[in-house]
Amino acid sequence: MPASHLVTEETDIDPTVVESDLPGQVQRSLAEYLRVRGAEAAELDPAFESATGELAEFVLGGGKRIRPTFAWWGWRASGGTATGEQATAMLRAATALELLQACALVHDDLIDDSDTRRGKPTMHRTFEQQHHAGGYRGDGGRFGMAAAVLLGDLALSWADDRLHSAGLPAESLVRTLRPWQAMRTEVLAGQYLDVLGQFREDETPQAALQICRLKSASYTVQRPLELGAEAAGADESTLRALRRFGSDIGVAFQLRDDLLGVFGDPELTGKPAGDDLREGKRTLLVAEAVATARERDDRQALDLLRGVLADPELDETRIGRAMQLLTDLGAVDAVEKRIGELTGSAMSALESAQLAEPAATRLSELAVAVTDRTR
């Protein structure tokens, strides 16, 4: 029986309770889909089945399911039903976003040479450890890198498969491909510009915001919202309002993430304190601090900021000094202000759309939840 048929024959999705436990429904749908794909992998080779098991564990082992949640409420905001076959198909389609997210995270961790994600070893570190434990020949780091690249690619392939086999009507599927195709290109463009910015040492706020819009805002909020809305057949007026809401909240979400990347509690974020500094990320937080230091002609501050960026040996004492400097230069306040402004603009767009309930209320609640958080 072909996989495209198998993956639409799930029995564990209960659309009648989806809105009271959306993350749980997404988790169950993903688990069933990954079980089917894992069985296919087992038919190819036991070693490949084991590797895909690591990918499945990564996908199912954490995450807030933000992207499928926004896709679902984009669907509901545009007239999609909460029950029935089409609702079930929409839920399946929304879970494709988690597989796209897995691809982005696996590759991002590899690019940044990160050791942990959600408090556990990153994918390339997991396979590096397997190399050492198995006594394989050659370099363990290269093996881990190769495995992470391939499994990230596999997650992207499975994301496409999932969307196309979700069971959406043909016309709805064609409409969803507009934001889906745009989103995949935008997130890769954002990742490339992020890498380029680190090597060019581009410290301008404009560059930081461009990366923020492409790498995070697009595929975290704006495009998932559009995907759900397009599946439901939203009119252009609704789409415009949801795009504006999604773009503003998506940027605000990433700016909060940037603050947590420096000031967040490792117990909550699952990543070491100051990890964004070690990785040399030119976030808006850093760009605002650099701009202020330049205005003040504060060479000492500039030297300290540039000295901590991309330093893998950065210790807690220097991280503490950098955190204090980011605060003293007003960068933290500037980013918090920007988050507030973006959230306010997004709420205005939401109100102008006059969406039906419960979608309007849930989107408003989501906007607050993703921009005012501790992890």
Protein backbone atom coordinates (compact mmCIF):
# COMPACT_ATOMS: atom_id res chain seq x y z
CA MET A 1 0.00 0.00 0.00
CA PRO A 2 1.56 3.35 -0.97
CA ALA A 3 2.72 5.67 1.78
CA SER A 4 0.55 8.53 0.55
CA HIS A 5 -2.49 6.44 1.42
CA LEU A 6 -1.16 5.08 4.69
CA VAL A 7 -0.36 8.45 6.19
CA THR A 8 -3.94 9.70 5.77
CA GLU A 9 -5.45 6.68 7.50
CA GLU A 10 -4.95 7.83 11.09
CA THR A 11 -7.45 6.96 13.78
CA ASP A 12 -6.02 8.82 16.79
CA ILE A 13 -7.16 12.35 15.79
CA ASP A 14 -10.29 13.52 17.57
CA PRO A 15 -11.35 16.82 15.99
CA THR A 16 -14.23 17.21 18.45
CA VAL A 17 -11.75 18.04 21.23
CA VAL A 18 -8.97 19.59 19.19
CA GLU A 19 -9.50 23.12 20.46
CA SER A 20 -9.31 22.12 24.11
CA ASP A 21 -6.00 20.28 23.61
CA LEU A 22 -4.49 21.39 20.32
CA PRO A 23 -0.84 20.63 21.25
CA GLY A 24 -1.90 17.16 22.38
CA GLN A 25 -3.78 16.52 19.16
CA VAL A 26 -0.79 17.69 17.12
CA GLN A 27 1.48 15.42 19.15
CA ARG A 28 -0.73 12.37 18.60
CA SER A 29 -1.03 13.07 14.87
CA LEU A 30 2.73 13.52 14.53
CA ALA A 31 3.44 10.35 16.51
CA GLU A 32 1.21 8.28 14.24
CA TYR A 33 2.69 9.80 11.10
CA LEU A 34 6.25 9.20 12.30
CA ARG A 35 5.34 5.63 13.28
CA VAL A 36 4.25 4.95 9.72
CA ARG A 37 7.34 6.57 8.22
CA GLY A 38 9.53 4.68 10.68
CA ALA A 39 7.99 1.40 9.53
CA GLU A 40 8.83 2.35 5.95
CA ALA A 41 12.42 3.09 7.02
CA ALA A 42 12.64 -0.34 8.66
CA GLU A 43 11.86 -1.97 5.32
CA LEU A 44 14.87 -0.19 3.82
CA ASP A 45 17.48 -0.97 6.48
CA PRO A 46 17.59 -1.37 10.29
CA ALA A 47 20.34 1.25 10.57
CA PHE A 48 18.20 3.80 8.72
CA GLU A 49 15.24 2.93 10.94
CA SER A 50 17.42 3.68 13.98
CA ALA A 51 18.46 7.03 12.51
CA THR A 52 14.87 8.01 11.74
CA GLY A 53 14.00 7.01 15.28
CA GLU A 54 16.36 9.73 16.52
CA LEU A 55 14.57 12.21 14.26
CA ALA A 56 11.18 11.10 15.57
CA GLU A 57 12.39 11.43 19.15
CA PHE A 58 13.64 14.94 18.38
CA VAL A 59 10.32 15.99 16.81
CA LEU A 60 8.19 14.48 19.57
CA GLY A 61 10.51 15.34 22.45
CA GLY A 62 9.67 19.00 22.91
CA GLY A 63 8.39 22.20 21.43
CA LYS A 64 5.32 24.31 22.07
CA ARG A 65 3.59 23.49 18.75
CA ILE A 66 3.23 27.22 18.04
CA ARG A 67 3.20 26.91 14.26
CA PRO A 68 0.40 24.32 13.96
CA THR A 69 -1.56 26.34 16.52
CA PHE A 70 -1.39 29.48 14.41
CA ALA A 71 -2.25 27.47 11.29
CA TRP A 72 -5.32 26.02 13.02
CA TRP A 73 -6.58 29.41 14.14
CA GLY A 74 -5.92 30.86 10.70
CA TRP A 75 -8.21 28.11 9.44
CA ARG A 76 -10.88 28.80 12.03
CA ALA A 77 -10.62 32.59 11.57
CA SER A 78 -11.41 32.11 7.89
CA GLY A 79 -14.48 29.94 8.29
CA GLY A 80 -12.92 26.50 8.69
CA THR A 81 -14.88 24.06 10.84
CA ALA A 82 -13.75 22.56 14.15
CA THR A 83 -15.10 19.08 13.34
CA GLY A 84 -15.45 16.74 10.40
CA GLU A 85 -13.17 15.34 7.72
CA GLN A 86 -11.88 18.72 6.56
CA ALA A 87 -10.96 19.74 10.10
CA THR A 88 -9.06 16.47 10.51
CA ALA A 89 -7.27 17.07 7.22
CA MET A 90 -6.38 20.61 8.32
CA LEU A 91 -4.90 19.33 11.56
CA ARG A 92 -2.76 16.86 9.64
CA ALA A 93 -1.64 19.59 7.26
CA ALA A 94 -0.73 21.82 10.20
CA THR A 95 1.56 19.15 11.64
CA ALA A 96 3.74 19.46 8.53
CA LEU A 97 4.94 22.72 10.06
CA GLU A 98 6.53 20.83 12.94
CA LEU A 99 8.57 18.76 10.48
CA LEU A 100 9.70 21.93 8.73
CA GLN A 101 10.62 23.29 12.15
CA ALA A 102 12.62 20.14 12.89
CA CYS A 103 14.60 20.63 9.67
CA ALA A 104 15.36 24.24 10.57
CA LEU A 105 16.41 23.41 14.14
CA VAL A 106 18.63 20.45 13.23
CA HIS A 107 20.45 22.48 10.58
CA ASP A 108 20.56 25.62 12.74
CA ASP A 109 22.18 23.71 15.60
CA LEU A 110 24.74 22.30 13.19
CA ILE A 111 25.50 25.72 11.69
CA ASP A 112 25.88 27.22 15.18
CA ASP A 113 27.82 24.19 16.50
CA SER A 114 25.41 24.04 19.44
CA ASP A 115 25.77 21.26 21.99
CA THR A 116 22.26 21.22 23.42
CA ARG A 117 18.67 21.81 22.40
CA ARG A 118 15.80 21.57 24.90
CA GLY A 119 18.29 20.39 27.49
CA LYS A 120 19.41 17.41 25.38
CA PRO A 121 22.28 16.83 22.94
CA THR A 122 21.69 18.32 19.50
CA MET A 123 21.29 15.96 16.55
CA HIS A 124 24.88 16.21 15.33
CA ARG A 125 26.16 15.68 18.87
CA THR A 126 23.89 12.64 19.30
CA PHE A 127 25.39 10.96 16.24
CA GLU A 128 28.90 12.03 17.20
CA GLN A 129 28.34 10.23 20.50
CA GLN A 130 27.05 7.17 18.64
CA HIS A 131 30.23 7.19 16.56
CA HIS A 132 32.40 7.16 19.68
CA ALA A 133 30.26 4.57 21.47
CA GLY A 134 30.30 2.26 18.44
CA GLY A 135 34.02 2.54 17.89
CA TYR A 136 33.53 3.56 14.27
CA ARG A 137 36.53 4.55 12.19
CA GLY A 138 37.16 8.11 11.09
CA ASP A 139 36.16 11.42 12.63
CA GLY A 140 33.11 11.43 14.91
CA GLY A 141 32.41 15.10 14.32
CA ARG A 142 32.17 14.61 10.56
CA PHE A 143 29.87 11.63 11.02
CA GLY A 144 27.61 13.65 13.30
CA MET A 145 27.56 16.54 10.83
CA ALA A 146 26.68 14.27 7.91
CA ALA A 147 23.90 12.53 9.83
CA ALA A 148 22.39 15.85 10.93
CA VAL A 149 22.39 17.23 7.37
CA LEU A 150 20.67 14.12 6.03
CA LEU A 151 18.08 13.89 8.80
CA GLY A 152 17.30 17.60 8.50
CA ASP A 153 16.76 17.05 4.78
CA LEU A 154 14.56 14.05 5.56
CA ALA A 155 12.43 16.15 7.92
CA LEU A 156 11.90 18.68 5.13
CA SER A 157 10.97 15.91 2.68
CA TRP A 158 8.52 14.41 5.16
CA ALA A 159 7.03 17.86 5.77
CA ASP A 160 6.19 18.13 2.07
CA ASP A 161 4.81 14.60 2.07
CA ARG A 162 2.69 15.35 5.10
CA LEU A 163 1.11 18.45 3.60
CA HIS A 164 0.34 16.76 0.29
CA SER A 165 -1.09 13.60 1.88
CA ALA A 166 -3.11 15.31 4.63
CA GLY A 167 -6.38 14.89 2.78
CA LEU A 168 -7.19 18.52 1.98
CA PRO A 169 -9.47 19.05 -1.03
CA ALA A 170 -7.49 19.73 -4.20
CA GLU A 171 -8.46 23.40 -4.37
CA SER A 172 -7.52 23.96 -0.72
CA LEU A 173 -4.19 22.21 -1.19
CA VAL A 174 -3.34 24.42 -4.17
CA ARG A 175 -4.10 27.53 -2.10
CA THR A 176 -1.94 26.34 0.83
CA LEU A 177 1.03 25.88 -1.50
CA ARG A 178 1.32 29.67 -1.90
CA PRO A 179 2.39 30.34 1.71
CA TRP A 180 4.09 26.94 2.00
CA GLN A 181 6.44 27.58 -0.91
CA ALA A 182 7.13 31.16 0.17
CA MET A 183 7.83 30.06 3.73
CA ARG A 184 10.39 27.42 2.82
CA THR A 185 12.38 29.88 0.71
CA GLU A 186 12.12 32.67 3.28
CA VAL A 187 13.38 30.60 6.20
CA LEU A 188 16.40 29.41 4.22
CA ALA A 189 17.08 32.97 3.06
CA GLY A 190 16.95 34.08 6.69
CA GLN A 191 19.33 31.33 7.78
CA TYR A 192 21.78 32.25 5.03
CA LEU A 193 21.68 35.94 5.91
CA ASP A 194 22.18 35.04 9.57
CA VAL A 195 25.34 33.10 8.71
CA LEU A 196 26.51 35.81 6.32
CA GLY A 197 25.94 38.50 8.94
CA GLN A 198 28.10 36.66 11.46
CA PHE A 199 31.00 36.37 9.02
CA ARG A 200 30.60 39.93 7.75
CA GLU A 201 30.11 41.12 11.33
CA ASP A 202 27.14 43.22 10.20
CA GLU A 203 25.98 45.01 13.33
CA THR A 204 23.24 47.22 11.88
CA PRO A 205 19.67 47.09 13.22
CA GLN A 206 18.39 46.90 9.63
CA ALA A 207 20.26 43.65 8.98
CA ALA A 208 19.10 42.19 12.30
CA LEU A 209 15.46 42.96 11.55
CA GLN A 210 15.67 41.53 8.02
CA ILE A 211 16.98 38.24 9.39
CA CYS A 212 14.30 38.35 12.08
CA ARG A 213 11.51 38.77 9.53
CA LEU A 214 12.73 36.06 7.18
CA LYS A 215 14.17 33.48 9.56
CA SER A 216 11.53 33.57 12.26
CA ALA A 217 8.50 35.81 11.70
CA SER A 218 7.65 34.24 8.36
CA TYR A 219 7.60 30.59 9.32
CA THR A 220 6.63 30.97 12.97
CA VAL A 221 3.46 33.04 12.68
CA GLN A 222 2.72 34.79 9.39
CA ARG A 223 2.92 31.91 6.91
CA PRO A 224 1.32 29.30 9.23
CA LEU A 225 -1.61 31.69 9.70
CA GLU A 226 -1.83 32.17 5.94
CA LEU A 227 -1.63 28.42 5.35
CA GLY A 228 -4.66 27.79 7.54
CA ALA A 229 -6.54 30.75 6.11
CA GLU A 230 -5.83 29.71 2.52
CA ALA A 231 -6.97 26.16 3.24
CA ALA A 232 -10.29 27.58 4.45
CA GLY A 233 -10.67 29.83 1.39
CA ALA A 234 -10.16 33.20 3.13
CA ASP A 235 -10.96 36.36 1.20
CA GLU A 236 -8.24 38.89 0.43
CA SER A 237 -9.31 41.29 3.18
CA THR A 238 -8.94 38.60 5.84
CA LEU A 239 -5.62 37.48 4.40
CA ARG A 240 -4.24 41.03 4.50
CA ALA A 241 -5.21 41.47 8.15
CA LEU A 242 -3.77 38.09 9.13
CA ARG A 243 -0.53 38.81 7.26
CA ARG A 244 -0.06 42.08 9.12
CA PHE A 245 -0.91 40.49 12.45
CA GLY A 246 1.36 37.52 11.73
CA SER A 247 4.31 39.59 10.56
CA ASP A 248 4.25 41.87 13.62
CA ILE A 249 3.75 39.08 16.13
CA GLY A 250 6.36 36.94 14.39
CA VAL A 251 9.01 39.65 14.71
CA ALA A 252 8.01 40.31 18.33
CA PHE A 253 8.27 36.55 19.02
CA GLN A 254 11.83 36.48 17.69
CA LEU A 255 12.84 39.61 19.59
CA ARG A 256 11.63 37.93 22.79
CA ASP A 257 13.66 34.89 21.78
CA ASP A 258 16.73 37.11 21.33
CA LEU A 259 16.33 38.45 24.86
CA LEU A 260 15.96 34.92 26.21
CA GLY A 261 19.03 33.84 24.23
CA VAL A 262 21.10 36.09 26.50
CA PHE A 263 19.06 36.61 29.67
CA GLY A 264 16.94 33.45 29.75
CA ASP A 265 17.04 30.84 32.51
CA PRO A 266 18.79 27.72 31.12
CA GLU A 267 16.42 25.54 33.17
CA LEU A 268 13.53 26.98 31.16
CA THR A 269 15.10 27.62 27.75
CA GLY A 270 17.06 24.34 27.53
CA LYS A 271 20.16 26.21 26.27
CA PRO A 272 23.16 27.60 28.17
CA ALA A 273 23.02 31.22 29.32
CA GLY A 274 24.50 33.61 26.78
CA ASP A 275 24.45 31.01 24.02
CA ASP A 276 23.53 33.59 21.36
CA LEU A 277 26.64 35.57 22.31
CA ARG A 278 28.88 32.52 21.99
CA GLU A 279 27.38 31.83 18.57
CA GLY A 280 28.07 35.41 17.47
CA LYS A 281 24.47 36.23 16.57
CA ARG A 282 24.02 39.83 15.46
CA THR A 283 20.53 40.21 16.92
CA LEU A 284 18.65 43.48 17.26
CA LEU A 285 19.61 43.40 20.95
CA VAL A 286 23.30 43.48 20.03
CA ALA A 287 22.76 45.93 17.16
CA GLU A 288 21.01 48.43 19.45
CA ALA A 289 23.84 48.20 21.98
CA VAL A 290 26.51 48.70 19.31
CA ALA A 291 24.65 51.67 17.83
CA THR A 292 24.42 53.37 21.23
CA ALA A 293 28.08 52.67 22.04
CA ARG A 294 29.06 54.24 18.73
CA GLU A 295 26.90 57.30 19.40
CA ARG A 296 28.65 57.71 22.75
CA ASP A 297 32.04 56.94 21.20
CA ASP A 298 32.48 54.35 23.93
CA ARG A 299 35.37 52.25 22.63
CA GLN A 300 35.55 50.17 25.78
CA ALA A 301 31.92 49.11 25.41
CA LEU A 302 32.41 48.30 21.73
CA ASP A 303 35.50 46.23 22.47
CA LEU A 304 33.67 44.30 25.18
CA LEU A 305 30.68 43.58 22.95
CA ARG A 306 32.78 42.51 19.99
CA GLY A 307 35.03 40.47 22.23
CA VAL A 308 32.23 38.27 23.55
CA LEU A 309 30.58 37.61 20.18
CA ALA A 310 31.47 34.23 18.65
CA ASP A 311 33.83 33.34 21.50
CA PRO A 312 33.29 29.62 22.26
CA GLU A 313 35.27 29.99 25.49
CA LEU A 314 32.97 32.70 26.85
CA ASP A 315 32.60 32.16 30.60
CA GLU A 316 29.88 33.20 33.04
CA THR A 317 31.83 36.21 34.33
CA ARG A 318 32.16 37.77 30.88
CA ILE A 319 28.56 36.87 30.02
CA GLY A 320 27.52 38.73 33.17
CA ARG A 321 29.48 41.80 32.12
CA ALA A 322 27.94 41.68 28.64
CA MET A 323 24.45 41.38 30.11
CA GLN A 324 25.05 44.40 32.31
CA LEU A 325 26.42 46.37 29.37
CA LEU A 326 23.43 45.49 27.17
CA THR A 327 21.20 46.80 29.94
CA ASP A 328 23.27 49.95 30.63
CA LEU A 329 23.36 50.87 26.93
CA GLY A 330 19.57 50.74 26.80
CA ALA A 331 19.44 47.84 24.34
CA VAL A 332 17.16 45.74 26.53
CA ASP A 333 14.69 48.60 26.96
CA ALA A 334 14.82 49.35 23.23
CA VAL A 335 13.97 45.75 22.32
CA GLU A 336 11.21 45.58 24.95
CA LYS A 337 9.75 48.80 23.53
CA ARG A 338 9.85 47.36 20.01
CA ILE A 339 8.08 44.21 21.21
CA GLY A 340 5.35 46.33 22.77
CA GLU A 341 4.89 48.43 19.64
CA LEU A 342 4.71 45.39 17.38
CA THR A 343 2.22 43.66 19.66
CA GLY A 344 0.05 46.76 19.71
CA SER A 345 0.14 47.04 15.91
CA ALA A 346 -0.73 43.36 15.57
CA MET A 347 -3.71 43.73 17.89
CA SER A 348 -4.98 46.66 15.80
CA ALA A 349 -4.78 44.52 12.67
CA LEU A 350 -6.67 41.75 14.44
CA GLU A 351 -9.43 44.10 15.56
CA SER A 352 -9.78 45.56 12.07
CA ALA A 353 -10.38 42.10 10.61
CA GLN A 354 -13.52 41.53 12.72
CA LEU A 355 -12.92 37.79 12.85
CA ALA A 356 -15.51 35.38 14.17
CA GLU A 357 -15.21 33.91 17.63
CA PRO A 358 -13.56 31.96 19.10
CA ALA A 359 -10.74 32.66 16.62
CA ALA A 360 -10.41 36.38 17.41
CA THR A 361 -10.03 35.76 21.14
CA ARG A 362 -7.65 32.84 20.73
CA LEU A 363 -5.38 34.73 18.35
CA SER A 364 -5.30 37.65 20.76
CA GLU A 365 -4.34 35.28 23.59
CA LEU A 366 -1.68 33.64 21.44
CA ALA A 367 -0.15 37.02 20.62
CA VAL A 368 0.39 37.69 24.30
CA ALA A 369 1.58 34.15 25.03
CA VAL A 370 4.35 34.14 22.41
CA THR A 371 5.64 37.65 23.09
CA ASP A 372 5.52 37.65 26.91
CA ARG A 373 7.20 34.40 27.89
CA THR A 374 10.16 33.02 29.81
CA ARG A 375 11.18 30.19 27.46
